[in-house]
Amino acid sequence: MLTAQAVKDHLPILRRYARALTGSQESGDSYVAAALEALTEDSSLIDQQTSVRVGMFRVFSKIWNSLEVNAAGKEPIDPRPADRHIGQIGAMPRQAFLLVSLEGFSEEDAAKILDISASRVRDLIDECGRELASQIATNILIIEDEALIAMDLQSLVENLGHEVKGIARTRGEAVALAKNKDLGLILADIQLADGSSGLDAVNDLLNTFEVPVIFITAYPERFLTGTRPEPAFLITKPYQPAMVSAVISQALFFDRKAHKSKSRAVG
């Protein structure tokens, strides 16, 4: 049942999404206000089978997608780094990426919000991931003991516009390769060639600098039970290239947003 309290409870997260989507809180709030007005006039826009959270995002998305300027992907975007990158992505890929990556919706719920299929959501996230990764190009260290997988990952990230600064097979090699390197991301396996741990290798590196980490492993249980760094992301082998692309983009996007928030706090 839609109540004023239920709407109020979900309003902050809808405003956060609107801010990320449009690039400014003022612009985002204008769309949120339009969505609330529509719900006030007709509460049946959220049916009994839909959660209030999904329903509110669905109403907001229908309003935002109904405007020609947004459908064309030309909504003015705040020129600060993290928002500028996401703002250059097309409207539908941008929405799918933010709904799943930022707001934590399942692909199925994101599909309901955008009124498309779940498979289409996956395609849009992949498209956004590739576009965003190419815009936020960075230097990457790969920690992987299987040569074919390491080569595949290197080809994948270089096709996205990143530069691989080295490939390490052991904990010691990772530490040595990272010295004097300007790294922006680490891709790491957990089980390494000499029996050492990718988790330990990454923690060694993060004692001297801070970057996001993506673990790509056939042993996800070791990630879940070990002492893992933050922020860290997990991909299970065998992986899909589209998943690696999307998670790289997600990691770099949130890393940029975190640095922007720190800069504001210092300023």
C-alpha atoms as a PDB file:
ATOM      1  CA  MET A   1       0.000   0.000   0.000  1.00  0.00           C
ATOM      2  CA  LEU A   2       1.303   3.438  -0.969  1.00  0.00           C
ATOM      3  CA  THR A   3       1.466   5.776   2.023  1.00  0.00           C
ATOM      4  CA  ALA A   4       3.030   9.176   2.606  1.00  0.00           C
ATOM      5  CA  GLN A   5       5.512   7.581   5.021  1.00  0.00           C
ATOM      6  CA  ALA A   6       6.512   4.916   2.486  1.00  0.00           C
ATOM      7  CA  VAL A   7       7.183   7.596  -0.106  1.00  0.00           C
ATOM      8  CA  LYS A   8       9.144   9.657   2.421  1.00  0.00           C
ATOM      9  CA  ASP A   9      11.298   6.646   3.360  1.00  0.00           C
ATOM     10  CA  HIS A  10      12.451   6.149  -0.234  1.00  0.00           C
ATOM     11  CA  LEU A  11      12.744   9.813  -1.185  1.00  0.00           C
ATOM     12  CA  PRO A  12      16.456  10.241  -0.237  1.00  0.00           C
ATOM     13  CA  ILE A  13      17.583   7.362  -2.455  1.00  0.00           C
ATOM     14  CA  LEU A  14      15.455   8.607  -5.355  1.00  0.00           C
ATOM     15  CA  ARG A  15      17.047  12.051  -4.985  1.00  0.00           C
ATOM     16  CA  ARG A  16      20.511  10.447  -4.946  1.00  0.00           C
ATOM     17  CA  TYR A  17      19.735   8.578  -8.167  1.00  0.00           C
ATOM     18  CA  ALA A  18      18.310  11.704  -9.781  1.00  0.00           C
ATOM     19  CA  ARG A  19      21.445  13.620  -8.833  1.00  0.00           C
ATOM     20  CA  ALA A  20      23.707  10.986 -10.380  1.00  0.00           C
ATOM     21  CA  LEU A  21      21.553  10.754 -13.494  1.00  0.00           C
ATOM     22  CA  THR A  22      21.230  14.458 -14.243  1.00  0.00           C
ATOM     23  CA  GLY A  23      24.489  15.728 -12.774  1.00  0.00           C
ATOM     24  CA  SER A  24      23.045  18.290 -10.374  1.00  0.00           C
ATOM     25  CA  GLN A  25      20.803  18.112  -7.329  1.00  0.00           C
ATOM     26  CA  GLU A  26      18.679  21.024  -8.518  1.00  0.00           C
ATOM     27  CA  SER A  27      17.962  19.384 -11.850  1.00  0.00           C
ATOM     28  CA  GLY A  28      17.411  15.986 -10.269  1.00  0.00           C
ATOM     29  CA  ASP A  29      15.008  17.384  -7.685  1.00  0.00           C
ATOM     30  CA  SER A  30      12.853  18.963 -10.385  1.00  0.00           C
ATOM     31  CA  TYR A  31      12.206  15.503 -11.844  1.00  0.00           C
ATOM     32  CA  VAL A  32      11.648  14.011  -8.392  1.00  0.00           C
ATOM     33  CA  ALA A  33       9.072  16.737  -7.708  1.00  0.00           C
ATOM     34  CA  ALA A  34       7.307  15.899 -10.984  1.00  0.00           C
ATOM     35  CA  ALA A  35       7.231  12.214 -10.015  1.00  0.00           C
ATOM     36  CA  LEU A  36       5.787  13.016  -6.579  1.00  0.00           C
ATOM     37  CA  GLU A  37       3.152  15.241  -8.161  1.00  0.00           C
ATOM     38  CA  ALA A  38       2.153  12.421 -10.503  1.00  0.00           C
ATOM     39  CA  LEU A  39       1.875  10.006  -7.560  1.00  0.00           C
ATOM     40  CA  THR A  40      -0.180  12.503  -5.582  1.00  0.00           C
ATOM     41  CA  GLU A  41      -2.641  12.762  -8.441  1.00  0.00           C
ATOM     42  CA  ASP A  42      -2.766   9.013  -9.087  1.00  0.00           C
ATOM     43  CA  SER A  43      -1.397   6.619  -6.444  1.00  0.00           C
ATOM     44  CA  SER A  44      -2.389   3.657  -8.650  1.00  0.00           C
ATOM     45  CA  LEU A  45       0.736   4.366 -10.720  1.00  0.00           C
ATOM     46  CA  ILE A  46       2.343   2.011  -8.205  1.00  0.00           C
ATOM     47  CA  ASP A  47       0.381  -1.249  -8.318  1.00  0.00           C
ATOM     48  CA  GLN A  48      -0.038  -3.716  -5.476  1.00  0.00           C
ATOM     49  CA  GLN A  49       2.418  -6.197  -7.028  1.00  0.00           C
ATOM     50  CA  THR A  50       5.269  -3.667  -7.143  1.00  0.00           C
ATOM     51  CA  SER A  51       7.342  -2.521  -4.177  1.00  0.00           C
ATOM     52  CA  VAL A  52       7.128   1.179  -3.337  1.00  0.00           C
ATOM     53  CA  ARG A  53      10.828   1.638  -4.076  1.00  0.00           C
ATOM     54  CA  VAL A  54      10.612   0.047  -7.534  1.00  0.00           C
ATOM     55  CA  GLY A  55       7.355   1.880  -8.210  1.00  0.00           C
ATOM     56  CA  MET A  56       8.749   5.305  -7.332  1.00  0.00           C
ATOM     57  CA  PHE A  57      11.798   4.768  -9.551  1.00  0.00           C
ATOM     58  CA  ARG A  58       9.525   3.527 -12.338  1.00  0.00           C
ATOM     59  CA  VAL A  59       7.352   6.651 -12.200  1.00  0.00           C
ATOM     60  CA  PHE A  60      10.440   8.872 -12.094  1.00  0.00           C
ATOM     61  CA  SER A  61      11.963   7.054 -15.078  1.00  0.00           C
ATOM     62  CA  LYS A  62       8.786   7.353 -17.147  1.00  0.00           C
ATOM     63  CA  ILE A  63       8.801  11.116 -16.603  1.00  0.00           C
ATOM     64  CA  TRP A  64      12.526  11.518 -17.268  1.00  0.00           C
ATOM     65  CA  ASN A  65      12.436   9.342 -20.392  1.00  0.00           C
ATOM     66  CA  SER A  66       9.386  11.173 -21.734  1.00  0.00           C
ATOM     67  CA  LEU A  67      11.418  14.340 -22.355  1.00  0.00           C
ATOM     68  CA  GLU A  68      13.137  14.616 -25.714  1.00  0.00           C
ATOM     69  CA  VAL A  69      16.266  16.249 -24.307  1.00  0.00           C
ATOM     70  CA  ASN A  70      16.917  13.230 -22.072  1.00  0.00           C
ATOM     71  CA  ALA A  71      16.114  10.660 -24.737  1.00  0.00           C
ATOM     72  CA  ALA A  72      18.800  12.316 -26.835  1.00  0.00           C
ATOM     73  CA  GLY A  73      21.269  12.109 -23.944  1.00  0.00           C
ATOM     74  CA  LYS A  74      21.740  15.886 -23.879  1.00  0.00           C
ATOM     75  CA  GLU A  75      20.775  16.696 -20.306  1.00  0.00           C
ATOM     76  CA  PRO A  76      23.203  19.336 -18.949  1.00  0.00           C
ATOM     77  CA  ILE A  77      25.739  17.670 -16.651  1.00  0.00           C
ATOM     78  CA  ASP A  78      27.698  19.150 -13.765  1.00  0.00           C
ATOM     79  CA  PRO A  79      31.275  19.524 -15.094  1.00  0.00           C
ATOM     80  CA  ARG A  80      32.928  17.779 -12.131  1.00  0.00           C
ATOM     81  CA  PRO A  81      34.933  14.661 -13.090  1.00  0.00           C
ATOM     82  CA  ALA A  82      32.788  11.709 -11.981  1.00  0.00           C
ATOM     83  CA  ASP A  83      29.537  13.266 -13.179  1.00  0.00           C
ATOM     84  CA  ARG A  84      31.036  14.460 -16.449  1.00  0.00           C
ATOM     85  CA  HIS A  85      32.063  10.916 -17.397  1.00  0.00           C
ATOM     86  CA  ILE A  86      28.706   9.300 -16.621  1.00  0.00           C
ATOM     87  CA  GLY A  87      26.922  12.242 -18.237  1.00  0.00           C
ATOM     88  CA  GLN A  88      28.560  11.531 -21.570  1.00  0.00           C
ATOM     89  CA  ILE A  89      26.942   8.084 -21.705  1.00  0.00           C
ATOM     90  CA  GLY A  90      23.657   7.643 -23.574  1.00  0.00           C
ATOM     91  CA  ALA A  91      20.475   8.001 -21.544  1.00  0.00           C
ATOM     92  CA  MET A  92      19.330   4.370 -21.414  1.00  0.00           C
ATOM     93  CA  PRO A  93      22.767   2.787 -20.756  1.00  0.00           C
ATOM     94  CA  ARG A  94      23.362   5.424 -18.089  1.00  0.00           C
ATOM     95  CA  GLN A  95      20.095   4.586 -16.329  1.00  0.00           C
ATOM     96  CA  ALA A  96      20.675   0.830 -16.423  1.00  0.00           C
ATOM     97  CA  PHE A  97      24.209   1.207 -15.066  1.00  0.00           C
ATOM     98  CA  LEU A  98      23.207   3.525 -12.227  1.00  0.00           C
ATOM     99  CA  LEU A  99      20.147   1.494 -11.224  1.00  0.00           C
ATOM    100  CA  VAL A 100      22.164  -1.701 -10.855  1.00  0.00           C
ATOM    101  CA  SER A 101      25.580  -0.373  -9.811  1.00  0.00           C
ATOM    102  CA  LEU A 102      24.662   2.653  -7.708  1.00  0.00           C
ATOM    103  CA  GLU A 103      21.224   1.781  -6.358  1.00  0.00           C
ATOM    104  CA  GLY A 104      21.693  -1.982  -6.097  1.00  0.00           C
ATOM    105  CA  PHE A 105      18.580  -3.038  -7.999  1.00  0.00           C
ATOM    106  CA  SER A 106      18.545  -6.510  -9.509  1.00  0.00           C
ATOM    107  CA  GLU A 107      18.527  -6.689 -13.292  1.00  0.00           C
ATOM    108  CA  GLU A 108      14.912  -7.840 -13.085  1.00  0.00           C
ATOM    109  CA  ASP A 109      13.830  -4.831 -11.009  1.00  0.00           C
ATOM    110  CA  ALA A 110      15.820  -2.466 -13.243  1.00  0.00           C
ATOM    111  CA  ALA A 111      13.954  -3.986 -16.194  1.00  0.00           C
ATOM    112  CA  LYS A 112      10.618  -3.210 -14.505  1.00  0.00           C
ATOM    113  CA  ILE A 113      11.721   0.363 -13.807  1.00  0.00           C
ATOM    114  CA  LEU A 114      12.827   0.979 -17.387  1.00  0.00           C
ATOM    115  CA  ASP A 115      10.016  -1.097 -18.930  1.00  0.00           C
ATOM    116  CA  ILE A 116      12.395  -3.309 -20.897  1.00  0.00           C
ATOM    117  CA  SER A 117      13.589  -6.925 -20.670  1.00  0.00           C
ATOM    118  CA  ALA A 118      16.270  -8.088 -18.241  1.00  0.00           C
ATOM    119  CA  SER A 119      18.447  -9.160 -21.184  1.00  0.00           C
ATOM    120  CA  ARG A 120      18.190  -5.629 -22.566  1.00  0.00           C
ATOM    121  CA  VAL A 121      19.306  -4.275 -19.176  1.00  0.00           C
ATOM    122  CA  ARG A 122      22.394  -6.497 -19.349  1.00  0.00           C
ATOM    123  CA  ASP A 123      23.161  -5.249 -22.864  1.00  0.00           C
ATOM    124  CA  LEU A 124      22.805  -1.630 -21.752  1.00  0.00           C
ATOM    125  CA  ILE A 125      25.078  -2.155 -18.736  1.00  0.00           C
ATOM    126  CA  ASP A 126      27.673  -3.731 -21.009  1.00  0.00           C
ATOM    127  CA  GLU A 127      27.405  -0.787 -23.414  1.00  0.00           C
ATOM    128  CA  CYS A 128      27.738   1.712 -20.577  1.00  0.00           C
ATOM    129  CA  GLY A 129      30.639  -0.226 -19.108  1.00  0.00           C
ATOM    130  CA  ARG A 130      32.584  -0.085 -22.340  1.00  0.00           C
ATOM    131  CA  GLU A 131      31.893   3.609 -22.904  1.00  0.00           C
ATOM    132  CA  LEU A 132      32.698   4.560 -19.331  1.00  0.00           C
ATOM    133  CA  ALA A 133      35.856   2.463 -19.194  1.00  0.00           C
ATOM    134  CA  SER A 134      37.178   4.122 -22.326  1.00  0.00           C
ATOM    135  CA  GLN A 135      36.533   7.568 -20.810  1.00  0.00           C
ATOM    136  CA  ILE A 136      38.175   6.808 -17.461  1.00  0.00           C
ATOM    137  CA  ALA A 137      41.327   5.224 -18.861  1.00  0.00           C
ATOM    138  CA  THR A 138      43.883   4.231 -16.249  1.00  0.00           C
ATOM    139  CA  ASN A 139      46.985   2.127 -15.582  1.00  0.00           C
ATOM    140  CA  ILE A 140      46.330  -1.446 -14.484  1.00  0.00           C
ATOM    141  CA  LEU A 141      48.374  -4.139 -12.756  1.00  0.00           C
ATOM    142  CA  ILE A 142      47.302  -7.738 -13.434  1.00  0.00           C
ATOM    143  CA  ILE A 143      48.136 -10.369 -10.801  1.00  0.00           C
ATOM    144  CA  GLU A 144      47.416 -13.715 -12.476  1.00  0.00           C
ATOM    145  CA  ASP A 145      49.481 -16.908 -12.650  1.00  0.00           C
ATOM    146  CA  GLU A 146      47.714 -18.518 -15.637  1.00  0.00           C
ATOM    147  CA  ALA A 147      49.349 -17.127 -18.775  1.00  0.00           C
ATOM    148  CA  LEU A 148      46.353 -17.508 -21.097  1.00  0.00           C
ATOM    149  CA  ILE A 149      43.999 -15.803 -18.659  1.00  0.00           C
ATOM    150  CA  ALA A 150      46.523 -13.019 -18.067  1.00  0.00           C
ATOM    151  CA  MET A 151      46.839 -12.462 -21.818  1.00  0.00           C
ATOM    152  CA  ASP A 152      43.064 -12.466 -22.223  1.00  0.00           C
ATOM    153  CA  LEU A 153      42.647  -9.890 -19.439  1.00  0.00           C
ATOM    154  CA  GLN A 154      45.408  -7.734 -20.904  1.00  0.00           C
ATOM    155  CA  SER A 155      43.748  -7.749 -24.331  1.00  0.00           C
ATOM    156  CA  LEU A 156      40.362  -6.983 -22.794  1.00  0.00           C
ATOM    157  CA  VAL A 157      41.474  -3.977 -20.728  1.00  0.00           C
ATOM    158  CA  GLU A 158      43.666  -2.578 -23.491  1.00  0.00           C
ATOM    159  CA  ASN A 159      40.708  -2.720 -25.874  1.00  0.00           C
ATOM    160  CA  LEU A 160      38.843  -0.596 -23.314  1.00  0.00           C
ATOM    161  CA  GLY A 161      41.575   2.043 -23.514  1.00  0.00           C
ATOM    162  CA  HIS A 162      43.543   1.168 -20.368  1.00  0.00           C
ATOM    163  CA  GLU A 163      47.277   0.465 -20.151  1.00  0.00           C
ATOM    164  CA  VAL A 164      48.652  -2.673 -18.494  1.00  0.00           C
ATOM    165  CA  LYS A 165      51.733  -1.749 -16.471  1.00  0.00           C
ATOM    166  CA  GLY A 166      52.706  -5.329 -15.706  1.00  0.00           C
ATOM    167  CA  ILE A 167      51.596  -8.920 -15.146  1.00  0.00           C
ATOM    168  CA  ALA A 168      52.654 -10.641 -11.911  1.00  0.00           C
ATOM    169  CA  ARG A 169      52.482 -14.384 -11.221  1.00  0.00           C
ATOM    170  CA  THR A 170      53.363 -14.256  -7.519  1.00  0.00           C
ATOM    171  CA  ARG A 171      53.031 -12.014  -4.483  1.00  0.00           C
ATOM    172  CA  GLY A 172      56.676 -10.986  -4.723  1.00  0.00           C
ATOM    173  CA  GLU A 173      56.434 -10.130  -8.416  1.00  0.00           C
ATOM    174  CA  ALA A 174      53.351  -7.999  -7.740  1.00  0.00           C
ATOM    175  CA  VAL A 175      55.144  -5.941  -5.111  1.00  0.00           C
ATOM    176  CA  ALA A 176      58.178  -5.499  -7.366  1.00  0.00           C
ATOM    177  CA  LEU A 177      56.132  -4.506 -10.411  1.00  0.00           C
ATOM    178  CA  ALA A 178      54.080  -1.970  -8.467  1.00  0.00           C
ATOM    179  CA  LYS A 179      57.115   0.023  -7.375  1.00  0.00           C
ATOM    180  CA  ASN A 180      57.264   3.453  -8.997  1.00  0.00           C
ATOM    181  CA  LYS A 181      54.149   2.695 -11.065  1.00  0.00           C
ATOM    182  CA  ASP A 182      51.239   5.088 -11.259  1.00  0.00           C
ATOM    183  CA  LEU A 183      48.422   2.563 -10.913  1.00  0.00           C
ATOM    184  CA  GLY A 184      44.698   3.238 -11.016  1.00  0.00           C
ATOM    185  CA  LEU A 185      43.339  -0.318 -10.690  1.00  0.00           C
ATOM    186  CA  ILE A 186      44.441  -3.847  -9.780  1.00  0.00           C
ATOM    187  CA  LEU A 187      43.025  -7.058 -11.277  1.00  0.00           C
ATOM    188  CA  ALA A 188      44.052  -9.998  -9.097  1.00  0.00           C
ATOM    189  CA  ASP A 189      43.628 -13.727  -8.814  1.00  0.00           C
ATOM    190  CA  ILE A 190      43.600 -15.166  -5.279  1.00  0.00           C
ATOM    191  CA  GLN A 191      45.472 -18.469  -5.790  1.00  0.00           C
ATOM    192  CA  LEU A 192      48.919 -17.653  -7.248  1.00  0.00           C
ATOM    193  CA  ALA A 193      51.664 -19.767  -8.863  1.00  0.00           C
ATOM    194  CA  ASP A 194      53.931 -20.247  -5.842  1.00  0.00           C
ATOM    195  CA  GLY A 195      51.078 -20.914  -3.441  1.00  0.00           C
ATOM    196  CA  SER A 196      51.023 -17.303  -2.283  1.00  0.00           C
ATOM    197  CA  SER A 197      47.799 -15.358  -1.937  1.00  0.00           C
ATOM    198  CA  GLY A 198      46.577 -12.590  -4.199  1.00  0.00           C
ATOM    199  CA  LEU A 199      44.781 -11.161  -1.193  1.00  0.00           C
ATOM    200  CA  ASP A 200      48.085 -10.831   0.650  1.00  0.00           C
ATOM    201  CA  ALA A 201      49.763  -9.352  -2.423  1.00  0.00           C
ATOM    202  CA  VAL A 202      47.050  -6.726  -2.773  1.00  0.00           C
ATOM    203  CA  ASN A 203      47.166  -5.852   0.925  1.00  0.00           C
ATOM    204  CA  ASP A 204      50.951  -5.408   0.614  1.00  0.00           C
ATOM    205  CA  LEU A 205      50.418  -2.951  -2.227  1.00  0.00           C
ATOM    206  CA  LEU A 206      47.625  -1.027  -0.525  1.00  0.00           C
ATOM    207  CA  ASN A 207      49.921  -0.301   2.411  1.00  0.00           C
ATOM    208  CA  THR A 208      51.642   2.260   0.185  1.00  0.00           C
ATOM    209  CA  PHE A 209      48.874   3.497  -2.143  1.00  0.00           C
ATOM    210  CA  GLU A 210      45.113   3.277  -2.532  1.00  0.00           C
ATOM    211  CA  VAL A 211      43.341   2.023  -5.668  1.00  0.00           C
ATOM    212  CA  PRO A 212      40.247  -0.091  -6.316  1.00  0.00           C
ATOM    213  CA  VAL A 213      40.790  -3.833  -6.686  1.00  0.00           C
ATOM    214  CA  ILE A 214      38.905  -6.454  -8.676  1.00  0.00           C
ATOM    215  CA  PHE A 215      39.509 -10.082  -7.713  1.00  0.00           C
ATOM    216  CA  ILE A 216      38.901 -12.542 -10.554  1.00  0.00           C
ATOM    217  CA  THR A 217      39.034 -16.004  -9.034  1.00  0.00           C
ATOM    218  CA  ALA A 218      37.799 -19.577  -9.131  1.00  0.00           C
ATOM    219  CA  TYR A 219      37.898 -19.557  -5.312  1.00  0.00           C
ATOM    220  CA  PRO A 220      35.381 -16.888  -4.238  1.00  0.00           C
ATOM    221  CA  GLU A 221      35.038 -18.491  -0.795  1.00  0.00           C
ATOM    222  CA  ARG A 222      38.616 -17.415  -0.010  1.00  0.00           C
ATOM    223  CA  PHE A 223      37.678 -13.833  -0.758  1.00  0.00           C
ATOM    224  CA  LEU A 224      34.643 -14.039   1.508  1.00  0.00           C
ATOM    225  CA  THR A 225      36.526 -15.539   4.457  1.00  0.00           C
ATOM    226  CA  GLY A 226      39.865 -13.728   4.154  1.00  0.00           C
ATOM    227  CA  THR A 227      40.945 -10.260   5.137  1.00  0.00           C
ATOM    228  CA  ARG A 228      40.021  -8.378   2.008  1.00  0.00           C
ATOM    229  CA  PRO A 229      40.852  -4.820   1.045  1.00  0.00           C
ATOM    230  CA  GLU A 230      38.287  -2.127   0.489  1.00  0.00           C
ATOM    231  CA  PRO A 231      37.118  -1.118  -1.998  1.00  0.00           C
ATOM    232  CA  ALA A 232      37.212  -4.546  -3.646  1.00  0.00           C
ATOM    233  CA  PHE A 233      35.029  -6.238  -6.240  1.00  0.00           C
ATOM    234  CA  LEU A 234      34.662  -9.942  -7.023  1.00  0.00           C
ATOM    235  CA  ILE A 235      34.256 -11.777 -10.339  1.00  0.00           C
ATOM    236  CA  THR A 236      34.089 -15.566 -10.400  1.00  0.00           C
ATOM    237  CA  LYS A 237      35.895 -17.646 -13.019  1.00  0.00           C
ATOM    238  CA  PRO A 238      35.003 -18.577 -15.668  1.00  0.00           C
ATOM    239  CA  TYR A 239      34.127 -14.956 -16.371  1.00  0.00           C
ATOM    240  CA  GLN A 240      32.355 -13.208 -19.194  1.00  0.00           C
ATOM    241  CA  PRO A 241      34.290 -10.337 -20.841  1.00  0.00           C
ATOM    242  CA  ALA A 242      31.192  -8.127 -20.582  1.00  0.00           C
ATOM    243  CA  MET A 243      31.123  -8.670 -16.818  1.00  0.00           C
ATOM    244  CA  VAL A 244      34.793  -7.721 -16.456  1.00  0.00           C
ATOM    245  CA  SER A 245      34.194  -4.584 -18.529  1.00  0.00           C
ATOM    246  CA  ALA A 246      31.171  -3.563 -16.467  1.00  0.00           C
ATOM    247  CA  VAL A 247      32.878  -4.155 -13.116  1.00  0.00           C
ATOM    248  CA  ILE A 248      35.997  -2.236 -14.189  1.00  0.00           C
ATOM    249  CA  SER A 249      33.763   0.691 -15.080  1.00  0.00           C
ATOM    250  CA  GLN A 250      31.855   0.374 -11.814  1.00  0.00           C
ATOM    251  CA  ALA A 251      35.070   0.303  -9.779  1.00  0.00           C
ATOM    252  CA  LEU A 252      36.590   3.314 -11.533  1.00  0.00           C
ATOM    253  CA  PHE A 253      33.330   5.279 -11.463  1.00  0.00           C
ATOM    254  CA  PHE A 254      32.944   4.920  -7.696  1.00  0.00           C
ATOM    255  CA  ASP A 255      36.644   5.556  -7.150  1.00  0.00           C
ATOM    256  CA  ARG A 256      36.272   8.897  -8.947  1.00  0.00           C
ATOM    257  CA  LYS A 257      33.203   9.742  -6.879  1.00  0.00           C
ATOM    258  CA  ALA A 258      35.038   8.849  -3.644  1.00  0.00           C
ATOM    259  CA  HIS A 259      37.979  11.096  -4.548  1.00  0.00           C
ATOM    260  CA  LYS A 260      35.584  13.902  -5.419  1.00  0.00           C
ATOM    261  CA  SER A 261      33.855  13.573  -2.035  1.00  0.00           C
ATOM    262  CA  LYS A 262      37.220  13.660  -0.214  1.00  0.00           C
ATOM    263  CA  SER A 263      38.236  16.775  -2.137  1.00  0.00           C
ATOM    264  CA  ARG A 264      35.021  18.517  -1.119  1.00  0.00           C
ATOM    265  CA  ALA A 265      35.536  17.525   2.535  1.00  0.00           C
ATOM    266  CA  VAL A 266      39.085  18.909   2.526  1.00  0.00           C
ATOM    267  CA  GLY A 267      38.001  22.086   0.767  1.00  0.00           C
END
